[in-house]
Amino acid sequence: MADIAIFDLDYTLTKRGTWGRFVVKNVKYRPWLWLPLAISAGITQWRYKRGKIPRIRVKKAMMRWSMTGKPQDEMQRLALEFAASEVETGLRPGAIKALNHHRKRGDTIIIASAAVDLIVAPIAEKLGISLWVATNMKWNAGKLAPDFSSANCYGAEKLERVKLLFAQNPELKQNNTIITMYSDSYSDLDILRFSDNGIAVNADRKLREAAKHENFDVVEW
């Protein structure tokens, strides 16, 4: 039975975050939206940092000005372009080595990301990864809704989504299956603890500190 390797996406597999750059791609040729987008995103980010609103509100604020109401086929086309570029030039070299290592071992590879499914799905497909969890967008009559169809796949919610994936695919995880989790972020502490091998990749300050006490490996990719 294969073991399992779970990869966070932003700053773990990728060199940079995906959401903000995908937002920019959507408004690149609509300069009249730049100012309201910047103001809305700035205010909600400020409120989130002070604990006044949940993190997903930041995503919603950025989505409102850049994507809401756009046709699904257009959004998917932009996401495919973004994914192709990301896989071609945006992955960390160490991430590529780690993916190849687990493939050679025959391990099951999963992407677990707070990024939106519109981005995660084509990136996963181009990497040959069939299993992933993400924050799911919502569509109404073929156009992007101003909300999401799932909770933000972040922090404790990411672990719950992975557990649900295992429940839906019981053949993945047996009693002797070893789970390895790769992440750069302290926000993934719950899922790193859940895993048999927690690996902090180019870790943020809080995760690097936690790794000392949690017995996580620390690597630079």
N, C-alpha and C. Protein backbone atom coordinates (compact mmCIF):
# COMPACT_ATOMS: atom_id res chain seq x y z
N MET A 1 0.84 -1.20 0.00
CA MET A 1 0.00 0.00 0.00
C MET A 1 0.88 1.25 0.00
N ALA A 2 0.55 2.19 -0.87
CA ALA A 2 1.35 3.41 -1.00
C ALA A 2 1.17 4.30 0.21
N ASP A 3 2.22 5.05 0.52
CA ASP A 3 2.12 6.10 1.52
C ASP A 3 1.52 7.34 0.87
N ILE A 4 1.36 8.40 1.66
CA ILE A 4 0.69 9.61 1.19
C ILE A 4 1.60 10.81 1.41
N ALA A 5 1.70 11.66 0.39
CA ALA A 5 2.43 12.93 0.50
C ALA A 5 1.45 14.06 0.20
N ILE A 6 1.28 14.97 1.15
CA ILE A 6 0.37 16.09 0.99
C ILE A 6 1.19 17.37 0.88
N PHE A 7 0.88 18.16 -0.13
CA PHE A 7 1.61 19.40 -0.37
C PHE A 7 0.67 20.59 -0.28
N ASP A 8 1.02 21.58 0.55
CA ASP A 8 0.43 22.89 0.43
C ASP A 8 0.85 23.45 -0.93
N LEU A 9 0.10 24.44 -1.43
CA LEU A 9 0.44 24.99 -2.75
C LEU A 9 1.26 26.27 -2.66
N ASP A 10 0.65 27.35 -2.17
CA ASP A 10 1.31 28.66 -2.19
C ASP A 10 2.54 28.70 -1.31
N TYR A 11 3.66 29.09 -1.87
CA TYR A 11 4.95 29.23 -1.19
C TYR A 11 5.54 27.88 -0.76
N THR A 12 4.86 26.79 -1.04
CA THR A 12 5.41 25.46 -0.78
C THR A 12 5.78 24.82 -2.11
N LEU A 13 4.78 24.51 -2.91
CA LEU A 13 5.07 24.07 -4.28
C LEU A 13 5.47 25.25 -5.14
N THR A 14 4.81 26.39 -4.94
CA THR A 14 5.08 27.56 -5.78
C THR A 14 6.02 28.54 -5.09
N LYS A 15 6.70 29.33 -5.89
CA LYS A 15 7.61 30.33 -5.35
C LYS A 15 6.85 31.50 -4.74
N ARG A 16 5.67 31.79 -5.28
CA ARG A 16 4.89 32.94 -4.83
C ARG A 16 3.43 32.53 -4.60
N GLY A 17 2.66 33.42 -3.99
CA GLY A 17 1.25 33.16 -3.80
C GLY A 17 0.51 33.21 -5.12
N THR A 18 -0.59 32.47 -5.22
CA THR A 18 -1.32 32.39 -6.48
C THR A 18 -2.51 33.36 -6.55
N TRP A 19 -3.23 33.53 -5.45
CA TRP A 19 -4.50 34.27 -5.49
C TRP A 19 -4.32 35.72 -5.96
N GLY A 20 -3.44 36.45 -5.31
CA GLY A 20 -3.25 37.85 -5.65
C GLY A 20 -2.84 38.04 -7.10
N ARG A 21 -1.98 37.18 -7.59
CA ARG A 21 -1.52 37.31 -8.98
C ARG A 21 -2.62 36.93 -9.97
N PHE A 22 -3.48 35.98 -9.58
CA PHE A 22 -4.60 35.65 -10.46
C PHE A 22 -5.62 36.80 -10.49
N VAL A 23 -5.80 37.45 -9.35
CA VAL A 23 -6.66 38.63 -9.32
C VAL A 23 -6.12 39.70 -10.27
N VAL A 24 -4.82 39.96 -10.21
CA VAL A 24 -4.19 40.95 -11.09
C VAL A 24 -4.39 40.57 -12.55
N LYS A 25 -4.28 39.28 -12.86
CA LYS A 25 -4.48 38.82 -14.24
C LYS A 25 -5.88 39.17 -14.72
N ASN A 26 -6.85 39.12 -13.81
CA ASN A 26 -8.23 39.39 -14.18
C ASN A 26 -8.53 40.87 -14.40
N VAL A 27 -7.73 41.74 -13.82
CA VAL A 27 -7.99 43.19 -13.97
C VAL A 27 -6.91 43.90 -14.76
N LYS A 28 -5.98 43.15 -15.31
CA LYS A 28 -4.83 43.74 -15.99
C LYS A 28 -5.25 44.76 -17.05
N TYR A 29 -6.30 44.48 -17.79
CA TYR A 29 -6.73 45.37 -18.86
C TYR A 29 -8.00 46.13 -18.49
N ARG A 30 -8.27 46.27 -17.20
CA ARG A 30 -9.43 47.04 -16.72
C ARG A 30 -8.97 48.02 -15.64
N PRO A 31 -8.19 49.02 -16.01
CA PRO A 31 -7.57 49.92 -15.04
C PRO A 31 -8.56 50.68 -14.17
N TRP A 32 -9.80 50.83 -14.62
CA TRP A 32 -10.79 51.53 -13.81
C TRP A 32 -11.13 50.75 -12.53
N LEU A 33 -10.74 49.47 -12.47
CA LEU A 33 -11.00 48.66 -11.28
C LEU A 33 -9.83 48.65 -10.30
N TRP A 34 -8.67 49.13 -10.72
CA TRP A 34 -7.49 49.02 -9.88
C TRP A 34 -7.66 49.73 -8.53
N LEU A 35 -8.15 50.95 -8.55
CA LEU A 35 -8.27 51.71 -7.30
C LEU A 35 -9.31 51.11 -6.36
N PRO A 36 -10.55 50.84 -6.81
CA PRO A 36 -11.50 50.24 -5.86
C PRO A 36 -11.05 48.87 -5.36
N LEU A 37 -10.38 48.09 -6.21
CA LEU A 37 -9.85 46.80 -5.78
C LEU A 37 -8.81 46.99 -4.68
N ALA A 38 -7.87 47.91 -4.89
CA ALA A 38 -6.81 48.16 -3.90
C ALA A 38 -7.38 48.64 -2.58
N ILE A 39 -8.35 49.54 -2.64
CA ILE A 39 -8.95 50.06 -1.42
C ILE A 39 -9.71 48.97 -0.67
N SER A 40 -10.54 48.22 -1.39
CA SER A 40 -11.33 47.16 -0.77
C SER A 40 -10.44 46.09 -0.15
N ALA A 41 -9.43 45.65 -0.91
CA ALA A 41 -8.52 44.62 -0.41
C ALA A 41 -7.72 45.12 0.79
N GLY A 42 -7.28 46.37 0.72
CA GLY A 42 -6.50 46.93 1.81
C GLY A 42 -7.28 47.03 3.11
N ILE A 43 -8.53 47.50 3.01
CA ILE A 43 -9.36 47.65 4.21
C ILE A 43 -9.67 46.29 4.83
N THR A 44 -10.07 45.33 4.00
CA THR A 44 -10.41 44.02 4.55
C THR A 44 -9.18 43.30 5.12
N GLN A 45 -8.02 43.48 4.47
CA GLN A 45 -6.80 42.88 5.01
C GLN A 45 -6.46 43.49 6.36
N TRP A 46 -6.62 44.80 6.49
CA TRP A 46 -6.36 45.48 7.75
C TRP A 46 -7.29 44.96 8.85
N ARG A 47 -8.57 44.78 8.51
CA ARG A 47 -9.54 44.29 9.48
C ARG A 47 -9.27 42.83 9.85
N TYR A 48 -8.84 42.03 8.86
CA TYR A 48 -8.50 40.63 9.15
C TYR A 48 -7.32 40.53 10.10
N LYS A 49 -6.28 41.32 9.83
CA LYS A 49 -5.07 41.27 10.66
C LYS A 49 -5.38 41.64 12.11
N ARG A 50 -6.42 42.41 12.34
CA ARG A 50 -6.81 42.82 13.69
C ARG A 50 -7.90 41.94 14.28
N GLY A 51 -8.18 40.83 13.59
CA GLY A 51 -9.11 39.85 14.12
C GLY A 51 -10.57 40.24 14.05
N LYS A 52 -10.89 41.23 13.23
CA LYS A 52 -12.27 41.72 13.18
C LYS A 52 -13.14 40.95 12.18
N ILE A 53 -12.53 40.32 11.20
CA ILE A 53 -13.28 39.56 10.19
C ILE A 53 -12.51 38.29 9.87
N PRO A 54 -13.20 37.24 9.36
CA PRO A 54 -12.49 36.01 8.97
C PRO A 54 -11.68 36.22 7.70
N ARG A 55 -10.70 35.36 7.51
CA ARG A 55 -9.77 35.49 6.38
C ARG A 55 -10.48 35.44 5.04
N ILE A 56 -11.53 34.65 4.94
CA ILE A 56 -12.20 34.49 3.64
C ILE A 56 -12.80 35.80 3.15
N ARG A 57 -13.06 36.73 4.05
CA ARG A 57 -13.61 38.02 3.63
C ARG A 57 -12.62 38.78 2.76
N VAL A 58 -11.32 38.55 2.99
CA VAL A 58 -10.31 39.19 2.14
C VAL A 58 -10.43 38.67 0.72
N LYS A 59 -10.57 37.34 0.58
CA LYS A 59 -10.76 36.75 -0.74
C LYS A 59 -12.00 37.33 -1.42
N LYS A 60 -13.09 37.40 -0.65
CA LYS A 60 -14.35 37.88 -1.22
C LYS A 60 -14.21 39.33 -1.71
N ALA A 61 -13.52 40.15 -0.93
CA ALA A 61 -13.36 41.56 -1.31
C ALA A 61 -12.58 41.69 -2.61
N MET A 62 -11.54 40.89 -2.76
CA MET A 62 -10.75 40.94 -3.99
C MET A 62 -11.53 40.37 -5.17
N MET A 63 -12.27 39.30 -4.90
CA MET A 63 -13.05 38.67 -5.96
C MET A 63 -14.15 39.59 -6.46
N ARG A 64 -14.76 40.35 -5.54
CA ARG A 64 -15.88 41.22 -5.89
C ARG A 64 -15.53 42.17 -7.02
N TRP A 65 -14.33 42.77 -6.95
CA TRP A 65 -13.95 43.78 -7.93
C TRP A 65 -13.27 43.20 -9.16
N SER A 66 -12.80 41.98 -9.07
CA SER A 66 -11.99 41.46 -10.18
C SER A 66 -12.66 40.35 -10.99
N MET A 67 -13.58 39.60 -10.37
CA MET A 67 -14.08 38.39 -11.03
C MET A 67 -15.59 38.20 -11.00
N THR A 68 -16.25 38.64 -9.96
CA THR A 68 -17.67 38.34 -9.79
C THR A 68 -18.47 38.73 -11.04
N GLY A 69 -19.29 37.79 -11.49
CA GLY A 69 -20.13 38.02 -12.66
C GLY A 69 -19.50 37.64 -13.98
N LYS A 70 -18.22 37.28 -13.97
CA LYS A 70 -17.57 36.90 -15.23
C LYS A 70 -18.00 35.50 -15.64
N PRO A 71 -18.11 35.23 -16.94
CA PRO A 71 -18.53 33.92 -17.42
C PRO A 71 -17.57 32.81 -17.00
N GLN A 72 -18.12 31.65 -16.71
CA GLN A 72 -17.32 30.53 -16.24
C GLN A 72 -16.29 30.09 -17.27
N ASP A 73 -16.67 30.07 -18.54
CA ASP A 73 -15.72 29.62 -19.56
C ASP A 73 -14.54 30.58 -19.68
N GLU A 74 -14.79 31.87 -19.52
CA GLU A 74 -13.69 32.84 -19.56
C GLU A 74 -12.78 32.68 -18.35
N MET A 75 -13.36 32.47 -17.18
CA MET A 75 -12.57 32.28 -15.97
C MET A 75 -11.71 31.02 -16.06
N GLN A 76 -12.28 29.97 -16.60
CA GLN A 76 -11.54 28.72 -16.74
C GLN A 76 -10.39 28.88 -17.73
N ARG A 77 -10.62 29.65 -18.79
CA ARG A 77 -9.54 29.90 -19.75
C ARG A 77 -8.38 30.64 -19.10
N LEU A 78 -8.71 31.68 -18.32
CA LEU A 78 -7.67 32.43 -17.62
C LEU A 78 -6.94 31.55 -16.61
N ALA A 79 -7.68 30.69 -15.94
CA ALA A 79 -7.08 29.80 -14.94
C ALA A 79 -6.14 28.80 -15.61
N LEU A 80 -6.51 28.30 -16.77
CA LEU A 80 -5.65 27.37 -17.49
C LEU A 80 -4.35 28.06 -17.93
N GLU A 81 -4.46 29.29 -18.41
CA GLU A 81 -3.27 30.05 -18.78
C GLU A 81 -2.36 30.26 -17.57
N PHE A 82 -2.99 30.64 -16.46
CA PHE A 82 -2.23 30.89 -15.23
C PHE A 82 -1.54 29.61 -14.77
N ALA A 83 -2.27 28.49 -14.79
CA ALA A 83 -1.71 27.22 -14.33
C ALA A 83 -0.54 26.78 -15.20
N ALA A 84 -0.68 26.94 -16.51
CA ALA A 84 0.39 26.54 -17.43
C ALA A 84 1.67 27.31 -17.13
N SER A 85 1.53 28.62 -16.92
CA SER A 85 2.69 29.45 -16.61
C SER A 85 3.29 29.07 -15.26
N GLU A 86 2.42 28.80 -14.31
CA GLU A 86 2.89 28.48 -12.95
C GLU A 86 3.68 27.17 -12.94
N VAL A 87 3.17 26.18 -13.63
CA VAL A 87 3.85 24.88 -13.65
C VAL A 87 5.16 24.97 -14.45
N GLU A 88 5.17 25.80 -15.45
CA GLU A 88 6.37 25.93 -16.30
C GLU A 88 7.50 26.68 -15.59
N THR A 89 7.16 27.77 -14.89
CA THR A 89 8.23 28.62 -14.34
C THR A 89 8.06 28.97 -12.86
N GLY A 90 6.92 28.62 -12.25
CA GLY A 90 6.64 29.13 -10.91
C GLY A 90 6.84 28.17 -9.76
N LEU A 91 7.31 26.94 -10.03
CA LEU A 91 7.47 25.96 -8.97
C LEU A 91 8.86 26.05 -8.34
N ARG A 92 8.93 25.77 -7.06
CA ARG A 92 10.24 25.70 -6.40
C ARG A 92 11.00 24.47 -6.91
N PRO A 93 12.30 24.60 -7.17
CA PRO A 93 13.08 23.44 -7.63
C PRO A 93 13.01 22.27 -6.64
N GLY A 94 13.04 22.58 -5.35
CA GLY A 94 12.95 21.52 -4.35
C GLY A 94 11.60 20.83 -4.36
N ALA A 95 10.56 21.58 -4.72
CA ALA A 95 9.23 20.98 -4.81
C ALA A 95 9.18 19.95 -5.93
N ILE A 96 9.78 20.29 -7.06
CA ILE A 96 9.81 19.36 -8.20
C ILE A 96 10.54 18.07 -7.81
N LYS A 97 11.65 18.22 -7.10
CA LYS A 97 12.41 17.05 -6.64
C LYS A 97 11.59 16.21 -5.68
N ALA A 98 10.88 16.86 -4.76
CA ALA A 98 10.06 16.13 -3.79
C ALA A 98 8.92 15.39 -4.48
N LEU A 99 8.27 16.05 -5.44
CA LEU A 99 7.20 15.39 -6.19
C LEU A 99 7.73 14.15 -6.91
N ASN A 100 8.88 14.31 -7.56
CA ASN A 100 9.46 13.18 -8.29
C ASN A 100 9.85 12.05 -7.35
N HIS A 101 10.34 12.41 -6.17
CA HIS A 101 10.72 11.41 -5.17
C HIS A 101 9.51 10.58 -4.77
N HIS A 102 8.40 11.23 -4.48
CA HIS A 102 7.21 10.49 -4.05
C HIS A 102 6.59 9.70 -5.20
N ARG A 103 6.70 10.22 -6.41
CA ARG A 103 6.19 9.47 -7.56
C ARG A 103 6.98 8.17 -7.75
N LYS A 104 8.30 8.27 -7.63
CA LYS A 104 9.14 7.08 -7.80
C LYS A 104 8.83 6.03 -6.74
N ARG A 105 8.45 6.49 -5.56
CA ARG A 105 8.09 5.57 -4.48
C ARG A 105 6.69 4.98 -4.68
N GLY A 106 5.93 5.57 -5.59
CA GLY A 106 4.57 5.09 -5.79
C GLY A 106 3.59 5.65 -4.79
N ASP A 107 3.96 6.75 -4.12
CA ASP A 107 3.08 7.34 -3.11
C ASP A 107 1.90 8.06 -3.74
N THR A 108 0.83 8.17 -2.99
CA THR A 108 -0.31 8.98 -3.39
C THR A 108 -0.01 10.43 -3.06
N ILE A 109 -0.17 11.32 -4.03
CA ILE A 109 0.14 12.74 -3.85
C ILE A 109 -1.16 13.54 -3.83
N ILE A 110 -1.26 14.43 -2.85
CA ILE A 110 -2.44 15.27 -2.67
C ILE A 110 -1.99 16.72 -2.52
N ILE A 111 -2.71 17.63 -3.16
CA ILE A 111 -2.51 19.07 -2.90
C ILE A 111 -3.62 19.51 -1.96
N ALA A 112 -3.25 20.18 -0.88
CA ALA A 112 -4.21 20.73 0.08
C ALA A 112 -3.93 22.22 0.20
N SER A 113 -4.84 23.04 -0.32
CA SER A 113 -4.56 24.46 -0.46
C SER A 113 -5.76 25.32 -0.10
N ALA A 114 -5.46 26.49 0.45
CA ALA A 114 -6.51 27.49 0.67
C ALA A 114 -6.84 28.25 -0.61
N ALA A 115 -6.03 28.07 -1.65
CA ALA A 115 -6.30 28.71 -2.93
C ALA A 115 -7.61 28.19 -3.50
N VAL A 116 -8.15 28.88 -4.48
CA VAL A 116 -9.45 28.49 -5.03
C VAL A 116 -9.31 27.32 -6.00
N ASP A 117 -10.38 26.52 -6.07
CA ASP A 117 -10.37 25.35 -6.92
C ASP A 117 -10.14 25.69 -8.39
N LEU A 118 -10.57 26.86 -8.82
CA LEU A 118 -10.37 27.30 -10.19
C LEU A 118 -8.89 27.31 -10.57
N ILE A 119 -8.02 27.62 -9.59
CA ILE A 119 -6.58 27.62 -9.82
C ILE A 119 -5.96 26.27 -9.51
N VAL A 120 -6.36 25.68 -8.39
CA VAL A 120 -5.74 24.44 -7.91
C VAL A 120 -5.97 23.29 -8.89
N ALA A 121 -7.20 23.17 -9.40
CA ALA A 121 -7.52 22.04 -10.27
C ALA A 121 -6.62 21.96 -11.50
N PRO A 122 -6.45 23.04 -12.28
CA PRO A 122 -5.59 22.92 -13.47
C PRO A 122 -4.11 22.77 -13.13
N ILE A 123 -3.66 23.36 -12.03
CA ILE A 123 -2.27 23.15 -11.62
C ILE A 123 -2.06 21.68 -11.27
N ALA A 124 -2.99 21.12 -10.49
CA ALA A 124 -2.89 19.71 -10.13
C ALA A 124 -2.91 18.82 -11.37
N GLU A 125 -3.79 19.12 -12.30
CA GLU A 125 -3.89 18.32 -13.52
C GLU A 125 -2.59 18.35 -14.31
N LYS A 126 -2.00 19.53 -14.44
CA LYS A 126 -0.76 19.64 -15.19
C LYS A 126 0.40 18.93 -14.49
N LEU A 127 0.28 18.77 -13.18
CA LEU A 127 1.30 18.05 -12.41
C LEU A 127 0.99 16.56 -12.32
N GLY A 128 -0.11 16.15 -12.91
CA GLY A 128 -0.49 14.74 -12.87
C GLY A 128 -1.01 14.30 -11.52
N ILE A 129 -1.60 15.23 -10.78
CA ILE A 129 -2.13 14.94 -9.45
C ILE A 129 -3.65 14.98 -9.51
N SER A 130 -4.28 13.88 -9.14
CA SER A 130 -5.73 13.78 -9.28
C SER A 130 -6.48 14.13 -8.00
N LEU A 131 -5.79 14.19 -6.87
CA LEU A 131 -6.46 14.44 -5.60
C LEU A 131 -6.04 15.79 -5.04
N TRP A 132 -7.02 16.60 -4.68
CA TRP A 132 -6.72 17.91 -4.12
C TRP A 132 -7.93 18.41 -3.34
N VAL A 133 -7.67 19.32 -2.42
CA VAL A 133 -8.73 20.05 -1.72
C VAL A 133 -8.38 21.53 -1.80
N ALA A 134 -9.42 22.37 -1.88
CA ALA A 134 -9.21 23.80 -2.06
C ALA A 134 -10.46 24.54 -1.61
N THR A 135 -10.43 25.86 -1.69
CA THR A 135 -11.60 26.68 -1.44
C THR A 135 -12.42 26.72 -2.73
N ASN A 136 -13.66 26.28 -2.66
CA ASN A 136 -14.45 26.09 -3.87
C ASN A 136 -15.25 27.34 -4.24
N MET A 137 -15.11 27.76 -5.48
CA MET A 137 -15.88 28.87 -5.99
C MET A 137 -17.32 28.45 -6.26
N LYS A 138 -18.18 29.44 -6.41
CA LYS A 138 -19.60 29.20 -6.64
C LYS A 138 -20.03 29.85 -7.95
N TRP A 139 -20.87 29.16 -8.70
CA TRP A 139 -21.31 29.64 -10.00
C TRP A 139 -22.83 29.71 -10.06
N ASN A 140 -23.34 30.77 -10.62
CA ASN A 140 -24.77 30.94 -10.82
C ASN A 140 -25.04 31.20 -12.30
N ALA A 141 -25.79 30.31 -12.92
CA ALA A 141 -26.14 30.47 -14.34
C ALA A 141 -24.92 30.74 -15.21
N GLY A 142 -23.84 30.00 -14.93
CA GLY A 142 -22.64 30.12 -15.76
C GLY A 142 -21.77 31.32 -15.49
N LYS A 143 -22.06 32.04 -14.39
CA LYS A 143 -21.25 33.20 -14.02
C LYS A 143 -20.80 33.08 -12.57
N LEU A 144 -19.65 33.71 -12.27
CA LEU A 144 -19.08 33.60 -10.93
C LEU A 144 -19.93 34.36 -9.91
N ALA A 145 -20.32 33.67 -8.85
CA ALA A 145 -21.11 34.27 -7.78
C ALA A 145 -20.20 35.06 -6.86
N PRO A 146 -20.76 35.96 -6.05
CA PRO A 146 -19.94 36.77 -5.14
C PRO A 146 -19.61 36.06 -3.84
N ASP A 147 -19.74 34.74 -3.81
CA ASP A 147 -19.51 33.96 -2.59
C ASP A 147 -18.77 32.69 -2.96
N PHE A 148 -18.52 31.85 -1.98
CA PHE A 148 -17.87 30.56 -2.21
C PHE A 148 -18.84 29.45 -1.86
N SER A 149 -18.63 28.28 -2.44
CA SER A 149 -19.51 27.15 -2.15
C SER A 149 -18.96 26.26 -1.05
N SER A 150 -17.82 26.63 -0.49
CA SER A 150 -17.24 25.88 0.63
C SER A 150 -16.65 26.87 1.62
N ALA A 151 -16.32 26.37 2.78
CA ALA A 151 -15.56 27.16 3.74
C ALA A 151 -14.15 27.39 3.19
N ASN A 152 -13.47 28.40 3.71
CA ASN A 152 -12.09 28.66 3.32
C ASN A 152 -11.23 27.47 3.75
N CYS A 153 -10.54 26.86 2.81
CA CYS A 153 -9.75 25.65 3.09
C CYS A 153 -8.42 26.07 3.72
N TYR A 154 -8.48 26.52 4.94
CA TYR A 154 -7.36 27.18 5.62
C TYR A 154 -7.35 26.74 7.08
N GLY A 155 -6.15 26.55 7.63
CA GLY A 155 -6.04 26.20 9.04
C GLY A 155 -6.70 24.87 9.36
N ALA A 156 -7.51 24.86 10.41
CA ALA A 156 -8.18 23.63 10.84
C ALA A 156 -9.11 23.09 9.76
N GLU A 157 -9.70 23.98 8.96
CA GLU A 157 -10.60 23.54 7.88
C GLU A 157 -9.85 22.69 6.86
N LYS A 158 -8.60 23.01 6.60
CA LYS A 158 -7.83 22.22 5.63
C LYS A 158 -7.70 20.78 6.12
N LEU A 159 -7.42 20.60 7.40
CA LEU A 159 -7.33 19.25 7.95
C LEU A 159 -8.67 18.52 7.83
N GLU A 160 -9.75 19.21 8.12
CA GLU A 160 -11.07 18.58 8.02
C GLU A 160 -11.37 18.15 6.59
N ARG A 161 -10.97 18.97 5.63
CA ARG A 161 -11.20 18.62 4.22
C ARG A 161 -10.36 17.40 3.81
N VAL A 162 -9.15 17.30 4.32
CA VAL A 162 -8.31 16.14 4.01
C VAL A 162 -8.90 14.89 4.66
N LYS A 163 -9.38 15.01 5.89
CA LYS A 163 -10.02 13.87 6.55
C LYS A 163 -11.25 13.42 5.76
N LEU A 164 -12.01 14.39 5.24
CA LEU A 164 -13.18 14.05 4.44
C LEU A 164 -12.76 13.33 3.16
N LEU A 165 -11.68 13.78 2.56
CA LEU A 165 -11.16 13.12 1.36
C LEU A 165 -10.81 11.67 1.67
N PHE A 166 -10.19 11.42 2.81
CA PHE A 166 -9.87 10.05 3.21
C PHE A 166 -11.14 9.24 3.45
N ALA A 167 -12.15 9.85 4.06
CA ALA A 167 -13.40 9.15 4.33
C ALA A 167 -14.10 8.77 3.02
N GLN A 168 -13.98 9.64 2.03
CA GLN A 168 -14.62 9.39 0.73
C GLN A 168 -13.82 8.39 -0.11
N ASN A 169 -12.53 8.23 0.22
CA ASN A 169 -11.65 7.31 -0.51
C ASN A 169 -10.92 6.43 0.50
N PRO A 170 -11.62 5.50 1.16
CA PRO A 170 -11.02 4.73 2.26
C PRO A 170 -9.83 3.89 1.85
N GLU A 171 -9.70 3.62 0.56
CA GLU A 171 -8.56 2.83 0.11
C GLU A 171 -7.24 3.60 0.22
N LEU A 172 -7.31 4.91 0.37
CA LEU A 172 -6.09 5.72 0.40
C LEU A 172 -5.28 5.51 1.67
N LYS A 173 -5.98 5.45 2.80
CA LYS A 173 -5.30 5.46 4.09
C LYS A 173 -5.62 4.19 4.88
N GLN A 174 -4.62 3.33 5.02
CA GLN A 174 -4.74 2.13 5.82
C GLN A 174 -4.01 2.35 7.15
N ASN A 175 -4.09 1.36 8.03
CA ASN A 175 -3.49 1.52 9.36
C ASN A 175 -1.99 1.78 9.31
N ASN A 176 -1.32 1.22 8.32
CA ASN A 176 0.14 1.36 8.24
C ASN A 176 0.58 2.43 7.25
N THR A 177 -0.37 3.20 6.71
CA THR A 177 -0.01 4.25 5.76
C THR A 177 0.67 5.41 6.46
N ILE A 178 1.80 5.83 5.93
CA ILE A 178 2.55 6.96 6.49
C ILE A 178 2.20 8.21 5.70
N ILE A 179 1.83 9.26 6.43
CA ILE A 179 1.46 10.53 5.79
C ILE A 179 2.57 11.55 6.01
N THR A 180 3.02 12.17 4.94
CA THR A 180 4.00 13.25 5.00
C THR A 180 3.33 14.53 4.52
N MET A 181 3.45 15.60 5.30
CA MET A 181 2.84 16.89 4.94
C MET A 181 3.92 17.93 4.77
N TYR A 182 3.87 18.67 3.66
CA TYR A 182 4.81 19.74 3.38
C TYR A 182 4.07 21.08 3.41
N SER A 183 4.58 22.03 4.17
CA SER A 183 3.97 23.37 4.20
C SER A 183 4.98 24.41 4.63
N ASP A 184 4.74 25.64 4.18
CA ASP A 184 5.57 26.77 4.58
C ASP A 184 4.97 27.55 5.73
N SER A 185 3.70 27.26 6.08
CA SER A 185 2.94 28.19 6.92
C SER A 185 2.52 27.61 8.27
N TYR A 186 2.61 28.45 9.28
CA TYR A 186 2.14 28.10 10.63
C TYR A 186 0.65 27.81 10.62
N SER A 187 -0.08 28.38 9.68
CA SER A 187 -1.52 28.12 9.61
C SER A 187 -1.83 26.65 9.36
N ASP A 188 -0.85 25.89 8.88
CA ASP A 188 -1.04 24.45 8.62
C ASP A 188 -0.57 23.59 9.79
N LEU A 189 -0.45 24.17 10.96
CA LEU A 189 0.04 23.43 12.12
C LEU A 189 -0.83 22.21 12.40
N ASP A 190 -2.15 22.35 12.31
CA ASP A 190 -3.04 21.22 12.61
C ASP A 190 -2.77 20.02 11.70
N ILE A 191 -2.66 20.27 10.41
CA ILE A 191 -2.46 19.15 9.49
C ILE A 191 -1.02 18.62 9.56
N LEU A 192 -0.07 19.47 9.88
CA LEU A 192 1.30 19.00 10.10
C LEU A 192 1.36 18.07 11.31
N ARG A 193 0.64 18.41 12.36
CA ARG A 193 0.59 17.56 13.55
C ARG A 193 -0.14 16.24 13.26
N PHE A 194 -1.15 16.30 12.43
CA PHE A 194 -1.92 15.11 12.07
C PHE A 194 -1.06 14.12 11.29
N SER A 195 -0.13 14.62 10.52
CA SER A 195 0.71 13.78 9.67
C SER A 195 1.76 13.05 10.49
N ASP A 196 2.26 11.97 9.92
CA ASP A 196 3.34 11.23 10.58
C ASP A 196 4.66 11.98 10.45
N ASN A 197 4.86 12.61 9.30
CA ASN A 197 6.06 13.40 9.04
C ASN A 197 5.65 14.81 8.65
N GLY A 198 5.88 15.76 9.51
CA GLY A 198 5.63 17.15 9.19
C GLY A 198 6.91 17.80 8.69
N ILE A 199 6.86 18.42 7.54
CA ILE A 199 8.06 19.04 6.97
C ILE A 199 7.78 20.50 6.68
N ALA A 200 8.54 21.37 7.33
CA ALA A 200 8.40 22.82 7.16
C ALA A 200 9.30 23.26 6.01
N VAL A 201 8.67 23.79 4.96
CA VAL A 201 9.38 24.16 3.73
C VAL A 201 9.50 25.67 3.65
N ASN A 202 10.75 26.17 3.64
CA ASN A 202 10.92 27.63 3.57
C ASN A 202 9.96 28.31 4.55
N ALA A 203 9.99 27.85 5.77
CA ALA A 203 8.94 28.15 6.75
C ALA A 203 8.91 29.61 7.18
N ASP A 204 7.68 30.08 7.46
CA ASP A 204 7.56 31.40 8.07
C ASP A 204 8.09 31.35 9.50
N ARG A 205 8.24 32.52 10.12
CA ARG A 205 8.90 32.58 11.43
C ARG A 205 8.19 31.73 12.48
N LYS A 206 6.87 31.80 12.52
CA LYS A 206 6.12 31.07 13.55
C LYS A 206 6.23 29.55 13.35
N LEU A 207 6.19 29.11 12.11
CA LEU A 207 6.31 27.68 11.86
C LEU A 207 7.72 27.20 12.16
N ARG A 208 8.72 28.00 11.83
CA ARG A 208 10.11 27.61 12.11
C ARG A 208 10.32 27.44 13.61
N GLU A 209 9.71 28.32 14.38
CA GLU A 209 9.81 28.22 15.84
C GLU A 209 9.06 26.99 16.35
N ALA A 210 7.86 26.77 15.81
CA ALA A 210 7.07 25.61 16.24
C ALA A 210 7.76 24.30 15.89
N ALA A 211 8.48 24.28 14.77
CA ALA A 211 9.13 23.05 14.32
C ALA A 211 10.12 22.52 15.36
N LYS A 212 10.71 23.43 16.13
CA LYS A 212 11.68 23.02 17.16
C LYS A 212 11.01 22.15 18.21
N HIS A 213 9.75 22.44 18.51
CA HIS A 213 9.04 21.73 19.57
C HIS A 213 8.18 20.58 19.05
N GLU A 214 7.84 20.64 17.77
CA GLU A 214 6.95 19.64 17.18
C GLU A 214 7.70 18.52 16.47
N ASN A 215 9.01 18.62 16.43
CA ASN A 215 9.83 17.62 15.76
C ASN A 215 9.57 17.56 14.26
N PHE A 216 9.28 18.72 13.66
CA PHE A 216 9.15 18.79 12.21
C PHE A 216 10.53 18.95 11.58
N ASP A 217 10.74 18.34 10.44
CA ASP A 217 11.94 18.63 9.66
C ASP A 217 11.80 20.02 9.05
N VAL A 218 12.90 20.71 8.90
CA VAL A 218 12.91 22.04 8.27
C VAL A 218 13.82 21.97 7.05
N VAL A 219 13.26 22.31 5.88
CA VAL A 219 14.03 22.25 4.64
C VAL A 219 13.89 23.56 3.88
N GLU A 220 14.86 23.81 3.01
CA GLU A 220 14.81 24.97 2.13
C GLU A 220 14.76 24.48 0.69
N TRP A 221 13.75 24.90 -0.02
CA TRP A 221 13.55 24.49 -1.42
C TRP A 221 13.90 25.59 -2.39
